[in-house]
Amino acid sequence: RKSAQMILKLREYGISDPAEINCYKSVVRGNFHESLGLHYVMFL
């Protein structure tokens, strides 16, 4: 749920810069794992 909300909010706030996306993700996660973590750090 948090991962899905994170993606929706990224679109809502218009955050597209990779560095800002990483910052946003680290803030939302609070820790360093999430259900779509490998999509970001390995698949893409």
PDB file of all heavy atoms in Angstrom:
ATOM      1  N   ARG A   1       0.837  -1.213   0.000  1.00  0.00           N
ATOM      2  CA  ARG A   1       0.000   0.000   0.000  1.00  0.00           C
ATOM      3  C   ARG A   1       0.867   1.256   0.000  1.00  0.00           C
ATOM      4  O   ARG A   1       0.615   2.193  -0.768  1.00  0.00           O
ATOM      5  CB  ARG A   1      -0.909   0.005   1.233  1.00  0.00           C
ATOM      6  CG  ARG A   1      -1.831   1.236   1.305  1.00  0.00           C
ATOM      7  CD  ARG A   1      -2.685   1.232   2.562  1.00  0.00           C
ATOM      8  NE  ARG A   1      -1.916   1.338   3.781  1.00  0.00           N
ATOM      9  CZ  ARG A   1      -1.422   2.493   4.255  1.00  0.00           C
ATOM     10  NH1 ARG A   1      -1.621   3.625   3.593  1.00  0.00           N
ATOM     11  NH2 ARG A   1      -0.730   2.526   5.371  1.00  0.00           N
ATOM     12  N   LYS A   2       1.914   1.279   0.838  1.00  0.00           N
ATOM     13  CA  LYS A   2       2.797   2.448   0.897  1.00  0.00           C
ATOM     14  C   LYS A   2       3.513   2.655  -0.438  1.00  0.00           C
ATOM     15  O   LYS A   2       3.654   3.786  -0.912  1.00  0.00           O
ATOM     16  CB  LYS A   2       3.835   2.286   2.016  1.00  0.00           C
ATOM     17  CG  LYS A   2       3.312   2.616   3.398  1.00  0.00           C
ATOM     18  CD  LYS A   2       4.389   2.457   4.454  1.00  0.00           C
ATOM     19  CE  LYS A   2       5.427   3.554   4.362  1.00  0.00           C
ATOM     20  NZ  LYS A   2       6.417   3.461   5.462  1.00  0.00           N
ATOM     21  N   SER A   3       3.956   1.560  -1.046  1.00  0.00           N
ATOM     22  CA  SER A   3       4.649   1.664  -2.335  1.00  0.00           C
ATOM     23  C   SER A   3       3.727   2.231  -3.403  1.00  0.00           C
ATOM     24  O   SER A   3       4.124   3.094  -4.191  1.00  0.00           O
ATOM     25  CB  SER A   3       5.180   0.293  -2.766  1.00  0.00           C
ATOM     26  OG  SER A   3       6.164  -0.160  -1.878  1.00  0.00           O
ATOM     27  N   ALA A   4       2.490   1.732  -3.438  1.00  0.00           N
ATOM     28  CA  ALA A   4       1.528   2.223  -4.427  1.00  0.00           C
ATOM     29  C   ALA A   4       1.211   3.698  -4.184  1.00  0.00           C
ATOM     30  O   ALA A   4       1.166   4.502  -5.128  1.00  0.00           O
ATOM     31  CB  ALA A   4       0.254   1.380  -4.373  1.00  0.00           C
ATOM     32  N   GLN A   5       0.991   4.067  -2.921  1.00  0.00           N
ATOM     33  CA  GLN A   5       0.724   5.470  -2.592  1.00  0.00           C
ATOM     34  C   GLN A   5       1.905   6.359  -2.973  1.00  0.00           C
ATOM     35  O   GLN A   5       1.724   7.481  -3.448  1.00  0.00           O
ATOM     36  CB  GLN A   5       0.437   5.612  -1.094  1.00  0.00           C
ATOM     37  CG  GLN A   5      -0.943   5.157  -0.667  1.00  0.00           C
ATOM     38  CD  GLN A   5      -2.050   6.044  -1.246  1.00  0.00           C
ATOM     39  OE1 GLN A   5      -1.820   7.195  -1.628  1.00  0.00           O
ATOM     40  NE2 GLN A   5      -3.251   5.507  -1.342  1.00  0.00           N
ATOM     41  N   MET A   6       3.108   5.848  -2.763  1.00  0.00           N
ATOM     42  CA  MET A   6       4.301   6.618  -3.086  1.00  0.00           C
ATOM     43  C   MET A   6       4.341   6.959  -4.578  1.00  0.00           C
ATOM     44  O   MET A   6       4.627   8.095  -4.964  1.00  0.00           O
ATOM     45  CB  MET A   6       5.550   5.817  -2.697  1.00  0.00           C
ATOM     46  CG  MET A   6       6.856   6.552  -2.899  1.00  0.00           C
ATOM     47  SD  MET A   6       8.217   5.584  -2.238  1.00  0.00           S
ATOM     48  CE  MET A   6       8.206   4.178  -3.340  1.00  0.00           C
ATOM     49  N   ILE A   7       4.022   5.974  -5.408  1.00  0.00           N
ATOM     50  CA  ILE A   7       4.028   6.206  -6.858  1.00  0.00           C
ATOM     51  C   ILE A   7       2.950   7.224  -7.243  1.00  0.00           C
ATOM     52  O   ILE A   7       3.192   8.140  -8.045  1.00  0.00           O
ATOM     53  CB  ILE A   7       3.811   4.868  -7.602  1.00  0.00           C
ATOM     54  CG1 ILE A   7       5.011   3.945  -7.364  1.00  0.00           C
ATOM     55  CG2 ILE A   7       3.602   5.106  -9.090  1.00  0.00           C
ATOM     56  CD1 ILE A   7       4.738   2.499  -7.689  1.00  0.00           C
ATOM     57  N   LEU A   8       1.755   7.078  -6.668  1.00  0.00           N
ATOM     58  CA  LEU A   8       0.668   8.018  -6.969  1.00  0.00           C
ATOM     59  C   LEU A   8       1.029   9.435  -6.538  1.00  0.00           C
ATOM     60  O   LEU A   8       0.729  10.409  -7.247  1.00  0.00           O
ATOM     61  CB  LEU A   8      -0.623   7.565  -6.277  1.00  0.00           C
ATOM     62  CG  LEU A   8      -1.204   6.229  -6.759  1.00  0.00           C
ATOM     63  CD1 LEU A   8      -2.369   5.806  -5.871  1.00  0.00           C
ATOM     64  CD2 LEU A   8      -1.661   6.334  -8.213  1.00  0.00           C
ATOM     65  N   LYS A   9       1.677   9.570  -5.387  1.00  0.00           N
ATOM     66  CA  LYS A   9       2.049  10.899  -4.893  1.00  0.00           C
ATOM     67  C   LYS A   9       3.160  11.517  -5.735  1.00  0.00           C
ATOM     68  O   LYS A   9       3.188  12.731  -5.947  1.00  0.00           O
ATOM     69  CB  LYS A   9       2.495  10.811  -3.428  1.00  0.00           C
ATOM     70  CG  LYS A   9       1.406  10.361  -2.473  1.00  0.00           C
ATOM     71  CD  LYS A   9       0.289  11.395  -2.338  1.00  0.00           C
ATOM     72  CE  LYS A   9      -0.771  10.930  -1.356  1.00  0.00           C
ATOM     73  NZ  LYS A   9      -1.863  11.908  -1.194  1.00  0.00           N
ATOM     74  N   LEU A  10       4.086  10.688  -6.213  1.00  0.00           N
ATOM     75  CA  LEU A  10       5.140  11.204  -7.098  1.00  0.00           C
ATOM     76  C   LEU A  10       4.522  11.868  -8.323  1.00  0.00           C
ATOM     77  O   LEU A  10       4.951  12.933  -8.767  1.00  0.00           O
ATOM     78  CB  LEU A  10       6.084  10.069  -7.530  1.00  0.00           C
ATOM     79  CG  LEU A  10       7.102   9.578  -6.503  1.00  0.00           C
ATOM     80  CD1 LEU A  10       7.794   8.319  -6.995  1.00  0.00           C
ATOM     81  CD2 LEU A  10       8.143  10.654  -6.218  1.00  0.00           C
ATOM     82  N   ARG A  11       3.488  11.217  -8.852  1.00  0.00           N
ATOM     83  CA  ARG A  11       2.791  11.794 -10.015  1.00  0.00           C
ATOM     84  C   ARG A  11       2.037  13.063  -9.615  1.00  0.00           C
ATOM     85  O   ARG A  11       2.079  14.069 -10.326  1.00  0.00           O
ATOM     86  CB  ARG A  11       1.814  10.769 -10.587  1.00  0.00           C
ATOM     87  CG  ARG A  11       2.492   9.561 -11.214  1.00  0.00           C
ATOM     88  CD  ARG A  11       1.453   8.514 -11.604  1.00  0.00           C
ATOM     89  NE  ARG A  11       2.077   7.328 -12.173  1.00  0.00           N
ATOM     90  CZ  ARG A  11       1.457   6.158 -12.304  1.00  0.00           C
ATOM     91  NH1 ARG A  11       0.203   6.030 -11.913  1.00  0.00           N
ATOM     92  NH2 ARG A  11       2.083   5.123 -12.820  1.00  0.00           N
ATOM     93  N   GLU A  12       1.360  12.997  -8.467  1.00  0.00           N
ATOM     94  CA  GLU A  12       0.566  14.136  -8.020  1.00  0.00           C
ATOM     95  C   GLU A  12       1.438  15.370  -7.789  1.00  0.00           C
ATOM     96  O   GLU A  12       1.071  16.481  -8.155  1.00  0.00           O
ATOM     97  CB  GLU A  12      -0.160  13.765  -6.724  1.00  0.00           C
ATOM     98  CG  GLU A  12      -1.029  14.876  -6.146  1.00  0.00           C
ATOM     99  CD  GLU A  12      -1.658  14.483  -4.819  1.00  0.00           C
ATOM    100  OE1 GLU A  12      -1.819  13.260  -4.572  1.00  0.00           O
ATOM    101  OE2 GLU A  12      -1.973  15.387  -4.022  1.00  0.00           O
ATOM    102  N   TYR A  13       2.617  15.159  -7.186  1.00  0.00           N
ATOM    103  CA  TYR A  13       3.492  16.291  -6.872  1.00  0.00           C
ATOM    104  C   TYR A  13       4.415  16.665  -8.027  1.00  0.00           C
ATOM    105  O   TYR A  13       5.154  17.643  -7.938  1.00  0.00           O
ATOM    106  CB  TYR A  13       4.348  15.970  -5.639  1.00  0.00           C
ATOM    107  CG  TYR A  13       3.550  15.672  -4.389  1.00  0.00           C
ATOM    108  CD1 TYR A  13       3.994  14.725  -3.469  1.00  0.00           C
ATOM    109  CD2 TYR A  13       2.347  16.319  -4.118  1.00  0.00           C
ATOM    110  CE1 TYR A  13       3.276  14.433  -2.315  1.00  0.00           C
ATOM    111  CE2 TYR A  13       1.618  16.039  -2.978  1.00  0.00           C
ATOM    112  CZ  TYR A  13       2.084  15.095  -2.075  1.00  0.00           C
ATOM    113  OH  TYR A  13       1.369  14.815  -0.943  1.00  0.00           O
ATOM    114  N   GLY A  14       4.390  15.863  -9.102  1.00  0.00           N
ATOM    115  CA  GLY A  14       5.217  16.177 -10.267  1.00  0.00           C
ATOM    116  C   GLY A  14       6.701  16.013 -10.023  1.00  0.00           C
ATOM    117  O   GLY A  14       7.529  16.719 -10.614  1.00  0.00           O
ATOM    118  N   ILE A  15       7.079  15.081  -9.153  1.00  0.00           N
ATOM    119  CA  ILE A  15       8.501  14.832  -8.870  1.00  0.00           C
ATOM    120  C   ILE A  15       9.029  13.849  -9.912  1.00  0.00           C
ATOM    121  O   ILE A  15       8.557  12.717 -10.011  1.00  0.00           O
ATOM    122  CB  ILE A  15       8.686  14.272  -7.446  1.00  0.00           C
ATOM    123  CG1 ILE A  15       8.218  15.305  -6.417  1.00  0.00           C
ATOM    124  CG2 ILE A  15      10.128  13.890  -7.182  1.00  0.00           C
ATOM    125  CD1 ILE A  15       8.250  14.805  -4.986  1.00  0.00           C
ATOM    126  N   SER A  16      10.012  14.293 -10.696  1.00  0.00           N
ATOM    127  CA  SER A  16      10.534  13.442 -11.768  1.00  0.00           C
ATOM    128  C   SER A  16      12.056  13.340 -11.765  1.00  0.00           C
ATOM    129  O   SER A  16      12.619  12.445 -12.384  1.00  0.00           O
ATOM    130  CB  SER A  16      10.073  13.970 -13.136  1.00  0.00           C
ATOM    131  OG  SER A  16      10.493  15.313 -13.320  1.00  0.00           O
ATOM    132  N   ASP A  17      12.736  14.272 -11.088  1.00  0.00           N
ATOM    133  CA  ASP A  17      14.201  14.214 -11.030  1.00  0.00           C
ATOM    134  C   ASP A  17      14.628  12.959 -10.261  1.00  0.00           C
ATOM    135  O   ASP A  17      14.145  12.714  -9.157  1.00  0.00           O
ATOM    136  CB  ASP A  17      14.743  15.465 -10.329  1.00  0.00           C
ATOM    137  CG  ASP A  17      16.249  15.429 -10.199  1.00  0.00           C
ATOM    138  OD1 ASP A  17      16.925  15.696 -11.203  1.00  0.00           O
ATOM    139  OD2 ASP A  17      16.742  15.132  -9.097  1.00  0.00           O
ATOM    140  N   PRO A  18      15.537  12.135 -10.813  1.00  0.00           N
ATOM    141  CA  PRO A  18      15.924  10.869 -10.149  1.00  0.00           C
ATOM    142  C   PRO A  18      16.425  11.063  -8.723  1.00  0.00           C
ATOM    143  O   PRO A  18      16.088  10.280  -7.830  1.00  0.00           O
ATOM    144  CB  PRO A  18      17.029  10.320 -11.058  1.00  0.00           C
ATOM    145  CG  PRO A  18      16.737  10.896 -12.409  1.00  0.00           C
ATOM    146  CD  PRO A  18      16.174  12.260 -12.145  1.00  0.00           C
ATOM    147  N   ALA A  19      17.219  12.121  -8.494  1.00  0.00           N
ATOM    148  CA  ALA A  19      17.743  12.362  -7.142  1.00  0.00           C
ATOM    149  C   ALA A  19      16.603  12.676  -6.175  1.00  0.00           C
ATOM    150  O   ALA A  19      16.600  12.213  -5.025  1.00  0.00           O
ATOM    151  CB  ALA A  19      18.753  13.505  -7.166  1.00  0.00           C
ATOM    152  N   GLU A  20      15.613  13.454  -6.646  1.00  0.00           N
ATOM    153  CA  GLU A  20      14.485  13.797  -5.782  1.00  0.00           C
ATOM    154  C   GLU A  20      13.575  12.585  -5.547  1.00  0.00           C
ATOM    155  O   GLU A  20      13.013  12.427  -4.463  1.00  0.00           O
ATOM    156  CB  GLU A  20      13.693  14.957  -6.383  1.00  0.00           C
ATOM    157  CG  GLU A  20      14.453  16.279  -6.357  1.00  0.00           C
ATOM    158  CD  GLU A  20      13.539  17.478  -6.540  1.00  0.00           C
ATOM    159  OE1 GLU A  20      12.358  17.279  -6.881  1.00  0.00           O
ATOM    160  OE2 GLU A  20      14.017  18.606  -6.341  1.00  0.00           O
ATOM    161  N   ILE A  21      13.452  11.742  -6.562  1.00  0.00           N
ATOM    162  CA  ILE A  21      12.666  10.513  -6.394  1.00  0.00           C
ATOM    163  C   ILE A  21      13.305   9.640  -5.314  1.00  0.00           C
ATOM    164  O   ILE A  21      12.627   9.113  -4.432  1.00  0.00           O
ATOM    165  CB  ILE A  21      12.546   9.743  -7.721  1.00  0.00           C
ATOM    166  CG1 ILE A  21      11.635  10.505  -8.693  1.00  0.00           C
ATOM    167  CG2 ILE A  21      12.005   8.326  -7.487  1.00  0.00           C
ATOM    168  CD1 ILE A  21      11.564   9.897 -10.076  1.00  0.00           C
ATOM    169  N   ASN A  22      14.640   9.508  -5.363  1.00  0.00           N
ATOM    170  CA  ASN A  22      15.336   8.711  -4.352  1.00  0.00           C
ATOM    171  C   ASN A  22      15.155   9.308  -2.963  1.00  0.00           C
ATOM    172  O   ASN A  22      14.961   8.591  -1.977  1.00  0.00           O
ATOM    173  CB  ASN A  22      16.825   8.608  -4.687  1.00  0.00           C
ATOM    174  CG  ASN A  22      17.081   7.666  -5.838  1.00  0.00           C
ATOM    175  OD1 ASN A  22      16.303   6.748  -6.075  1.00  0.00           O
ATOM    176  ND2 ASN A  22      18.163   7.875  -6.558  1.00  0.00           N
ATOM    177  N   CYS A  23      15.231  10.637  -2.872  1.00  0.00           N
ATOM    178  CA  CYS A  23      15.029  11.321  -1.598  1.00  0.00           C
ATOM    179  C   CYS A  23      13.624  11.062  -1.076  1.00  0.00           C
ATOM    180  O   CYS A  23      13.427  10.715   0.094  1.00  0.00           O
ATOM    181  CB  CYS A  23      15.282  12.819  -1.756  1.00  0.00           C
ATOM    182  SG  CYS A  23      14.935  13.789  -0.278  1.00  0.00           S
ATOM    183  N   TYR A  24      12.639  11.205  -1.963  1.00  0.00           N
ATOM    184  CA  TYR A  24      11.235  11.003  -1.599  1.00  0.00           C
ATOM    185  C   TYR A  24      11.010   9.580  -1.096  1.00  0.00           C
ATOM    186  O   TYR A  24      10.373   9.352  -0.067  1.00  0.00           O
ATOM    187  CB  TYR A  24      10.363  11.290  -2.820  1.00  0.00           C
ATOM    188  CG  TYR A  24       8.877  11.158  -2.587  1.00  0.00           C
ATOM    189  CD1 TYR A  24       8.111  12.241  -2.178  1.00  0.00           C
ATOM    190  CD2 TYR A  24       8.237   9.944  -2.785  1.00  0.00           C
ATOM    191  CE1 TYR A  24       6.750  12.113  -1.962  1.00  0.00           C
ATOM    192  CE2 TYR A  24       6.882   9.803  -2.575  1.00  0.00           C
ATOM    193  CZ  TYR A  24       6.141  10.895  -2.174  1.00  0.00           C
ATOM    194  OH  TYR A  24       4.796  10.755  -1.957  1.00  0.00           O
ATOM    195  N   LYS A  25      11.579   8.607  -1.817  1.00  0.00           N
ATOM    196  CA  LYS A  25      11.406   7.208  -1.447  1.00  0.00           C
ATOM    197  C   LYS A  25      12.003   6.920  -0.083  1.00  0.00           C
ATOM    198  O   LYS A  25      11.410   6.223   0.741  1.00  0.00           O
ATOM    199  CB  LYS A  25      12.065   6.314  -2.496  1.00  0.00           C
ATOM    200  CG  LYS A  25      11.267   6.156  -3.784  1.00  0.00           C
ATOM    201  CD  LYS A  25      12.120   5.547  -4.867  1.00  0.00           C
ATOM    202  CE  LYS A  25      12.778   4.286  -4.378  1.00  0.00           C
ATOM    203  NZ  LYS A  25      13.887   3.866  -5.241  1.00  0.00           N
ATOM    204  N   SER A  26      13.202   7.452   0.174  1.00  0.00           N
ATOM    205  CA  SER A  26      13.863   7.181   1.452  1.00  0.00           C
ATOM    206  C   SER A  26      13.076   7.789   2.612  1.00  0.00           C
ATOM    207  O   SER A  26      13.021   7.229   3.703  1.00  0.00           O
ATOM    208  CB  SER A  26      15.298   7.716   1.445  1.00  0.00           C
ATOM    209  OG  SER A  26      15.309   9.127   1.383  1.00  0.00           O
ATOM    210  N   VAL A  27      12.445   8.932   2.360  1.00  0.00           N
ATOM    211  CA  VAL A  27      11.626   9.573   3.398  1.00  0.00           C
ATOM    212  C   VAL A  27      10.383   8.740   3.684  1.00  0.00           C
ATOM    213  O   VAL A  27      10.040   8.460   4.834  1.00  0.00           O
ATOM    214  CB  VAL A  27      11.236  11.008   2.978  1.00  0.00           C
ATOM    215  CG1 VAL A  27      10.133  11.550   3.859  1.00  0.00           C
ATOM    216  CG2 VAL A  27      12.450  11.925   3.039  1.00  0.00           C
ATOM    217  N   VAL A  28       9.694   8.326   2.629  1.00  0.00           N
ATOM    218  CA  VAL A  28       8.434   7.601   2.784  1.00  0.00           C
ATOM    219  C   VAL A  28       8.667   6.233   3.414  1.00  0.00           C
ATOM    220  O   VAL A  28       7.935   5.796   4.299  1.00  0.00           O
ATOM    221  CB  VAL A  28       7.720   7.452   1.425  1.00  0.00           C
ATOM    222  CG1 VAL A  28       6.529   6.512   1.542  1.00  0.00           C
ATOM    223  CG2 VAL A  28       7.269   8.814   0.927  1.00  0.00           C
ATOM    224  N   ARG A  29       9.715   5.566   2.972  1.00  0.00           N
ATOM    225  CA  ARG A  29       9.976   4.222   3.495  1.00  0.00           C
ATOM    226  C   ARG A  29      10.291   4.265   4.981  1.00  0.00           C
ATOM    227  O   ARG A  29       9.909   3.384   5.729  1.00  0.00           O
ATOM    228  CB  ARG A  29      11.158   3.593   2.755  1.00  0.00           C
ATOM    229  CG  ARG A  29      10.841   3.132   1.364  1.00  0.00           C
ATOM    230  CD  ARG A  29      11.937   2.238   0.834  1.00  0.00           C
ATOM    231  NE  ARG A  29      13.254   2.826   0.970  1.00  0.00           N
ATOM    232  CZ  ARG A  29      14.028   3.147  -0.049  1.00  0.00           C
ATOM    233  NH1 ARG A  29      13.610   2.980  -1.263  1.00  0.00           N
ATOM    234  NH2 ARG A  29      15.231   3.649   0.147  1.00  0.00           N
ATOM    235  N   GLY A  30      11.041   5.331   5.401  1.00  0.00           N
ATOM    236  CA  GLY A  30      11.478   5.383   6.787  1.00  0.00           C
ATOM    237  C   GLY A  30      12.605   4.398   7.019  1.00  0.00           C
ATOM    238  O   GLY A  30      13.453   4.606   7.868  1.00  0.00           O
ATOM    239  N   ASN A  31      12.648   3.329   6.229  1.00  0.00           N
ATOM    240  CA  ASN A  31      13.739   2.381   6.288  1.00  0.00           C
ATOM    241  C   ASN A  31      14.192   2.146   4.853  1.00  0.00           C
ATOM    242  O   ASN A  31      13.891   2.941   3.973  1.00  0.00           O
ATOM    243  CB  ASN A  31      13.295   1.084   6.977  1.00  0.00           C
ATOM    244  CG  ASN A  31      14.380   0.525   7.860  1.00  0.00           C
ATOM    245  OD1 ASN A  31      15.497   0.365   7.412  1.00  0.00           O
ATOM    246  ND2 ASN A  31      14.060   0.232   9.107  1.00  0.00           N
ATOM    247  N   PHE A  32      14.897   1.038   4.601  1.00  0.00           N
ATOM    248  CA  PHE A  32      15.501   0.895   3.288  1.00  0.00           C
ATOM    249  C   PHE A  32      14.959  -0.288   2.496  1.00  0.00           C
ATOM    250  O   PHE A  32      15.637  -0.864   1.674  1.00  0.00           O
ATOM    251  CB  PHE A  32      17.027   0.758   3.415  1.00  0.00           C
ATOM    252  CG  PHE A  32      17.466  -0.195   4.489  1.00  0.00           C
ATOM    253  CD1 PHE A  32      17.550  -1.547   4.234  1.00  0.00           C
ATOM    254  CD2 PHE A  32      17.768   0.264   5.737  1.00  0.00           C
ATOM    255  CE1 PHE A  32      17.937  -2.423   5.209  1.00  0.00           C
ATOM    256  CE2 PHE A  32      18.167  -0.604   6.735  1.00  0.00           C
ATOM    257  CZ  PHE A  32      18.252  -1.952   6.472  1.00  0.00           C
ATOM    258  N   HIS A  33      13.717  -0.695   2.765  1.00  0.00           N
ATOM    259  CA  HIS A  33      13.123  -1.777   1.991  1.00  0.00           C
ATOM    260  C   HIS A  33      11.655  -1.467   1.735  1.00  0.00           C
ATOM    261  O   HIS A  33      11.002  -0.798   2.511  1.00  0.00           O
ATOM    262  CB  HIS A  33      13.249  -3.109   2.718  1.00  0.00           C
ATOM    263  CG  HIS A  33      12.756  -3.057   4.133  1.00  0.00           C
ATOM    264  ND1 HIS A  33      11.429  -3.141   4.461  1.00  0.00           N
ATOM    265  CD2 HIS A  33      13.421  -2.900   5.290  1.00  0.00           C
ATOM    266  CE1 HIS A  33      11.292  -3.053   5.764  1.00  0.00           C
ATOM    267  NE2 HIS A  33      12.481  -2.894   6.291  1.00  0.00           N
ATOM    268  N   GLU A  34      11.165  -1.982   0.634  1.00  0.00           N
ATOM    269  CA  GLU A  34       9.755  -1.804   0.285  1.00  0.00           C
ATOM    270  C   GLU A  34       9.424  -2.837  -0.770  1.00  0.00           C
ATOM    271  O   GLU A  34      10.305  -3.491  -1.315  1.00  0.00           O
ATOM    272  CB  GLU A  34       9.501  -0.380  -0.229  1.00  0.00           C
ATOM    273  CG  GLU A  34      10.504   0.072  -1.252  1.00  0.00           C
ATOM    274  CD  GLU A  34       9.903   0.886  -2.377  1.00  0.00           C
ATOM    275  OE1 GLU A  34       8.729   0.699  -2.654  1.00  0.00           O
ATOM    276  OE2 GLU A  34      10.636   1.668  -2.959  1.00  0.00           O
ATOM    277  N   SER A  35       8.153  -2.963  -1.091  1.00  0.00           N
ATOM    278  CA  SER A  35       7.732  -4.054  -1.962  1.00  0.00           C
ATOM    279  C   SER A  35       8.220  -3.887  -3.394  1.00  0.00           C
ATOM    280  O   SER A  35       8.355  -4.867  -4.117  1.00  0.00           O
ATOM    281  CB  SER A  35       6.207  -4.183  -1.945  1.00  0.00           C
ATOM    282  OG  SER A  35       5.607  -2.990  -2.396  1.00  0.00           O
ATOM    283  N   LEU A  36       8.468  -2.651  -3.821  1.00  0.00           N
ATOM    284  CA  LEU A  36       8.925  -2.420  -5.197  1.00  0.00           C
ATOM    285  C   LEU A  36      10.383  -1.960  -5.239  1.00  0.00           C
ATOM    286  O   LEU A  36      10.812  -1.325  -6.189  1.00  0.00           O
ATOM    287  CB  LEU A  36       8.028  -1.378  -5.874  1.00  0.00           C
ATOM    288  CG  LEU A  36       6.572  -1.811  -6.084  1.00  0.00           C
ATOM    289  CD1 LEU A  36       5.766  -0.665  -6.675  1.00  0.00           C
ATOM    290  CD2 LEU A  36       6.497  -3.035  -6.983  1.00  0.00           C
ATOM    291  N   GLY A  37      11.132  -2.295  -4.185  1.00  0.00           N
ATOM    292  CA  GLY A  37      12.515  -1.825  -4.107  1.00  0.00           C
ATOM    293  C   GLY A  37      13.364  -2.245  -5.290  1.00  0.00           C
ATOM    294  O   GLY A  37      14.100  -1.442  -5.866  1.00  0.00           O
ATOM    295  N   LEU A  38      13.264  -3.523  -5.691  1.00  0.00           N
ATOM    296  CA  LEU A  38      14.114  -4.004  -6.781  1.00  0.00           C
ATOM    297  C   LEU A  38      13.679  -3.452  -8.132  1.00  0.00           C
ATOM    298  O   LEU A  38      14.482  -3.409  -9.069  1.00  0.00           O
ATOM    299  CB  LEU A  38      14.128  -5.538  -6.821  1.00  0.00           C
ATOM    300  CG  LEU A  38      14.887  -6.230  -5.683  1.00  0.00           C
ATOM    301  CD1 LEU A  38      15.090  -7.695  -6.001  1.00  0.00           C
ATOM    302  CD2 LEU A  38      16.218  -5.575  -5.392  1.00  0.00           C
ATOM    303  N   HIS A  39      12.436  -3.036  -8.256  1.00  0.00           N
ATOM    304  CA  HIS A  39      12.007  -2.381  -9.498  1.00  0.00           C
ATOM    305  C   HIS A  39      12.842  -1.122  -9.726  1.00  0.00           C
ATOM    306  O   HIS A  39      13.294  -0.854 -10.844  1.00  0.00           O
ATOM    307  CB  HIS A  39      10.525  -2.026  -9.426  1.00  0.00           C
ATOM    308  CG  HIS A  39       9.992  -1.364 -10.662  1.00  0.00           C
ATOM    309  ND1 HIS A  39       9.492  -2.076 -11.728  1.00  0.00           N
ATOM    310  CD2 HIS A  39       9.905  -0.050 -11.019  1.00  0.00           C
ATOM    311  CE1 HIS A  39       9.114  -1.238 -12.694  1.00  0.00           C
ATOM    312  NE2 HIS A  39       9.340   0.002 -12.267  1.00  0.00           N
ATOM    313  N   TYR A  40      13.059  -0.369  -8.622  1.00  0.00           N
ATOM    314  CA  TYR A  40      13.812   0.876  -8.727  1.00  0.00           C
ATOM    315  C   TYR A  40      15.316   0.644  -8.859  1.00  0.00           C
ATOM    316  O   TYR A  40      15.972   1.244  -9.701  1.00  0.00           O
ATOM    317  CB  TYR A  40      13.580   1.745  -7.485  1.00  0.00           C
ATOM    318  CG  TYR A  40      12.227   2.401  -7.402  1.00  0.00           C
ATOM    319  CD1 TYR A  40      11.250   1.914  -6.549  1.00  0.00           C
ATOM    320  CD2 TYR A  40      11.934   3.529  -8.153  1.00  0.00           C
ATOM    321  CE1 TYR A  40      10.009   2.518  -6.454  1.00  0.00           C
ATOM    322  CE2 TYR A  40      10.696   4.140  -8.064  1.00  0.00           C
ATOM    323  CZ  TYR A  40       9.739   3.632  -7.213  1.00  0.00           C
ATOM    324  OH  TYR A  40       8.518   4.240  -7.119  1.00  0.00           O
ATOM    325  N   VAL A  41      15.861  -0.202  -7.981  1.00  0.00           N
ATOM    326  CA  VAL A  41      17.320  -0.250  -7.866  1.00  0.00           C
ATOM    327  C   VAL A  41      17.982  -1.291  -8.758  1.00  0.00           C
ATOM    328  O   VAL A  41      19.202  -1.247  -8.950  1.00  0.00           O
ATOM    329  CB  VAL A  41      17.759  -0.467  -6.400  1.00  0.00           C
ATOM    330  CG1 VAL A  41      17.264   0.635  -5.506  1.00  0.00           C
ATOM    331  CG2 VAL A  41      17.319  -1.825  -5.872  1.00  0.00           C
ATOM    332  N   MET A  42      17.196  -2.241  -9.317  1.00  0.00           N
ATOM    333  CA  MET A  42      17.829  -3.251 -10.171  1.00  0.00           C
ATOM    334  C   MET A  42      17.150  -3.394 -11.538  1.00  0.00           C
ATOM    335  O   MET A  42      17.821  -3.429 -12.561  1.00  0.00           O
ATOM    336  CB  MET A  42      17.870  -4.607  -9.454  1.00  0.00           C
ATOM    337  CG  MET A  42      18.698  -4.569  -8.184  1.00  0.00           C
ATOM    338  SD  MET A  42      19.139  -6.193  -7.530  1.00  0.00           S
ATOM    339  CE  MET A  42      20.544  -6.622  -8.536  1.00  0.00           C
ATOM    340  N   PHE A  43      15.823  -3.478 -11.550  1.00  0.00           N
ATOM    341  CA  PHE A  43      15.134  -3.696 -12.821  1.00  0.00           C
ATOM    342  C   PHE A  43      15.292  -2.486 -13.750  1.00  0.00           C
ATOM    343  O   PHE A  43      15.782  -2.615 -14.883  1.00  0.00           O
ATOM    344  CB  PHE A  43      13.651  -3.995 -12.558  1.00  0.00           C
ATOM    345  CG  PHE A  43      12.870  -4.387 -13.786  1.00  0.00           C
ATOM    346  CD1 PHE A  43      13.025  -5.642 -14.351  1.00  0.00           C
ATOM    347  CD2 PHE A  43      11.969  -3.504 -14.382  1.00  0.00           C
ATOM    348  CE1 PHE A  43      12.305  -6.016 -15.482  1.00  0.00           C
ATOM    349  CE2 PHE A  43      11.243  -3.867 -15.510  1.00  0.00           C
ATOM    350  CZ  PHE A  43      11.414  -5.123 -16.061  1.00  0.00           C
ATOM    351  N   LEU A  44      14.895  -1.304 -13.267  1.00  0.00           N
ATOM    352  CA  LEU A  44      15.006  -0.096 -14.100  1.00  0.00           C
ATOM    353  C   LEU A  44      16.443   0.219 -14.504  1.00  0.00           C
ATOM    354  O   LEU A  44      16.712   0.479 -15.690  1.00  0.00           O
ATOM    355  CB  LEU A  44      14.379   1.099 -13.383  1.00  0.00           C
ATOM    356  CG  LEU A  44      12.892   1.364 -13.656  1.00  0.00           C
ATOM    357  CD1 LEU A  44      12.375   2.469 -12.749  1.00  0.00           C
ATOM    358  CD2 LEU A  44      12.663   1.732 -15.116  1.00  0.00           C
TER     359      LEU A  44
END
